[in-house]
Every structure is written in C-alpha cells, then in structure tokens.
Amino acid sequence: MKKFERRIISFALTFALIATGVFYFGLNYVPRSLYETQVMEPDRQEAYYVENWCSPDFGRKEAVLWDLTRVDCLSKDYAIEFDFAKKWAESVGQALYYSKMTGKMPAVVLILTNWSDMRYVKRVERINNGIKIFLIKAF
C-alpha cells in the first residue's frame, strides 16, 4: 500500500510542476502578430527611436503641453510614450497622463533590447486599460 501511495504522490507532484510550468510560460508568451513591430539599430538612446519612429506625417515629436510636460509623439489618435521595456510602468503612467491631458488614446512604444523583454510587454497587456502597444525590436 505504501508503494502505491508514493506513486500517487509522485504523480500529483509531477502534474503540479508541469501545470505550473505551462501556466508560467503562457503568461510570458506575447503573440507578436498582435503588435506593430519595427526593427531598428540596437544600443541607441531613446531619442533616436523617437526620431526615427514618429515621422512628421504620423505625428508631432516632443509636443509640449500646457503644464510643460512633453509627449514623445502626439498623433491624430494617440498620445505616445517611448521607453525601454524594463521601464514599462513609467511609460504606462506617462501615457495615461498624456492621454488625460490631450483627450487622445494612450499608447506606448516599448523598446526591446533582448528577447526576454517580452515579459514587460505582457505586464502592460495585463493592465488592460486600453493602452495601444507598439514595439521596437532593437537587438
């Protein structure tokens, strides 16, 4: 009887570990087809990406608001904040603030410096606050 109980416990633990792994990897998976992604040169400053992404026919770079804050890119529909992916929370806060100040929809452009930065994209996605996500692959 003890051997049978050990096998059941072993099976239950193995199943729990596998289920946990599937859940974890499921949380970190971001379908790339859901986001507009541009590939740009790595190891540049944020201003480089703003300059090359926010073209004059799309939006206005460094738009100054009445309280002297600066929107990285202000388009017809979006108030867009650029930041490196690891600073995702800061970019979300700024995008939401600029959205409120301009009446436009919030958007972030996350600059990915390596593949593991996709976990930060998933964090923005979990907020589910109507924030449009754009990606720059810089690696």
Protein backbone atom coordinates (compact mmCIF):
# COMPACT_ATOMS: atom_id res chain seq x y z
CA MET A 1 0.00 0.00 0.00
CA LYS A 2 2.82 2.45 0.79
CA LYS A 3 4.38 1.97 -2.64
CA PHE A 4 1.04 2.80 -4.28
CA GLU A 5 0.64 5.94 -2.13
CA ARG A 6 4.16 7.11 -3.05
CA ARG A 7 3.36 6.70 -6.74
CA ILE A 8 0.16 8.72 -6.40
CA ILE A 9 2.00 11.48 -4.53
CA SER A 10 4.80 11.41 -7.11
CA PHE A 11 2.27 11.63 -9.94
CA ALA A 12 0.42 14.53 -8.27
CA LEU A 13 3.65 16.48 -7.71
CA THR A 14 4.81 15.89 -11.28
CA PHE A 15 1.45 17.00 -12.64
CA ALA A 16 1.51 20.14 -10.46
CA LEU A 17 5.03 21.06 -11.65
CA ILE A 18 4.09 20.58 -15.30
CA ALA A 19 0.89 22.60 -14.89
CA THR A 20 2.84 25.39 -13.17
CA GLY A 21 5.40 25.47 -15.99
CA VAL A 22 2.71 25.64 -18.67
CA PHE A 23 0.98 28.46 -16.77
CA TYR A 24 4.25 30.39 -16.34
CA PHE A 25 5.26 30.14 -19.99
CA GLY A 26 1.71 31.02 -21.02
CA LEU A 27 1.96 34.27 -19.08
CA ASN A 28 5.20 35.22 -20.79
CA TYR A 29 4.06 34.46 -24.31
CA VAL A 30 3.05 37.51 -26.31
CA PRO A 31 1.72 36.86 -29.81
CA ARG A 32 3.87 39.12 -31.95
CA SER A 33 1.14 39.40 -34.57
CA LEU A 34 -0.91 41.47 -32.11
CA TYR A 35 1.54 44.36 -32.08
CA GLU A 36 3.10 46.52 -34.73
CA THR A 37 6.84 45.88 -34.53
CA GLN A 38 9.65 47.78 -36.21
CA VAL A 39 13.26 46.67 -36.26
CA MET A 40 15.86 49.35 -35.53
CA GLU A 41 19.52 49.56 -34.60
CA PRO A 42 20.47 48.39 -31.10
CA ASP A 43 22.33 50.34 -28.40
CA ARG A 44 20.85 53.75 -29.11
CA GLN A 45 19.27 56.34 -26.85
CA GLU A 46 15.52 56.75 -26.61
CA ALA A 47 15.62 59.98 -28.65
CA TYR A 48 16.98 58.05 -31.65
CA TYR A 49 13.95 55.76 -31.65
CA VAL A 50 11.51 58.65 -31.24
CA GLU A 51 13.17 60.49 -34.12
CA ASN A 52 13.02 57.51 -36.47
CA TRP A 53 9.59 56.19 -35.46
CA CYS A 54 7.49 59.34 -35.15
CA SER A 55 7.56 60.70 -38.69
CA PRO A 56 6.11 64.14 -39.47
CA ASP A 57 3.23 62.64 -41.46
CA PHE A 58 2.28 60.43 -38.45
CA GLY A 59 2.62 62.81 -35.53
CA ARG A 60 4.43 65.60 -33.76
CA LYS A 61 7.60 64.83 -31.79
CA GLU A 62 8.14 66.26 -28.31
CA ALA A 63 4.77 68.03 -28.17
CA VAL A 64 4.77 70.40 -25.19
CA LEU A 65 1.58 70.52 -23.13
CA TRP A 66 0.29 73.50 -21.12
CA ASP A 67 1.93 72.16 -17.93
CA LEU A 68 5.30 71.95 -19.76
CA THR A 69 5.31 68.15 -19.91
CA ARG A 70 6.40 66.66 -23.22
CA VAL A 71 4.61 63.92 -25.12
CA ASP A 72 7.19 61.88 -27.05
CA CYS A 73 4.88 61.60 -30.07
CA LEU A 74 1.43 63.14 -30.42
CA SER A 75 -0.55 61.75 -33.34
CA LYS A 76 -4.08 62.34 -34.55
CA ASP A 77 -5.38 59.50 -32.36
CA TYR A 78 -2.69 58.72 -29.76
CA ALA A 79 -0.56 60.28 -27.04
CA ILE A 80 2.50 58.04 -27.29
CA GLU A 81 5.24 57.49 -24.73
CA PHE A 82 8.51 55.79 -25.69
CA ASP A 83 10.61 53.86 -23.21
CA PHE A 84 12.82 50.85 -22.88
CA ALA A 85 10.79 47.78 -21.98
CA LYS A 86 12.20 47.44 -18.47
CA LYS A 87 10.71 50.87 -17.68
CA TRP A 88 7.24 49.70 -18.74
CA ALA A 89 5.45 51.00 -15.63
CA GLU A 90 6.82 54.51 -16.06
CA SER A 91 5.80 54.56 -19.73
CA VAL A 92 2.26 53.40 -18.90
CA GLY A 93 1.86 56.10 -16.25
CA GLN A 94 3.08 58.81 -18.59
CA ALA A 95 0.91 57.57 -21.48
CA LEU A 96 -2.19 57.59 -19.28
CA TYR A 97 -1.37 61.09 -18.04
CA TYR A 98 -0.76 62.43 -21.55
CA SER A 99 -3.96 60.78 -22.71
CA LYS A 100 -5.93 62.56 -20.00
CA MET A 101 -4.29 65.89 -20.80
CA THR A 102 -4.78 65.69 -24.58
CA GLY A 103 -8.03 63.74 -24.91
CA LYS A 104 -6.27 61.21 -27.13
CA MET A 105 -5.94 57.46 -26.59
CA PRO A 106 -2.89 56.27 -24.62
CA ALA A 107 -0.13 54.36 -26.39
CA VAL A 108 3.34 53.12 -25.52
CA VAL A 109 6.26 52.19 -27.71
CA LEU A 110 8.36 49.66 -25.84
CA ILE A 111 11.95 49.32 -26.99
CA LEU A 112 13.02 45.70 -26.69
CA THR A 113 16.75 45.23 -26.16
CA ASN A 114 16.59 41.43 -25.96
CA TRP A 115 14.04 38.66 -26.34
CA SER A 116 13.38 38.36 -22.59
CA ASP A 117 11.94 41.91 -22.62
CA MET A 118 8.70 40.38 -23.90
CA ARG A 119 7.77 39.78 -20.26
CA TYR A 120 7.37 43.53 -19.84
CA VAL A 121 5.04 43.66 -22.83
CA LYS A 122 2.88 41.08 -21.09
CA ARG A 123 2.76 43.28 -17.98
CA VAL A 124 1.41 46.20 -19.98
CA GLU A 125 -1.06 43.85 -21.59
CA ARG A 126 -2.31 42.68 -18.17
CA ILE A 127 -3.21 46.24 -17.18
CA ASN A 128 -5.89 46.12 -19.89
CA ASN A 129 -6.51 49.84 -19.74
CA GLY A 130 -7.00 50.50 -23.45
CA ILE A 131 -3.31 51.21 -23.97
CA LYS A 132 -2.13 50.63 -27.53
CA ILE A 133 1.20 48.82 -27.63
CA PHE A 134 3.83 49.31 -30.33
CA LEU A 135 7.19 47.53 -30.24
CA ILE A 136 10.67 48.36 -31.45
CA LYS A 137 13.00 45.38 -31.74
CA ALA A 138 16.46 46.77 -31.04
CA PHE A 139 18.59 43.64 -30.73
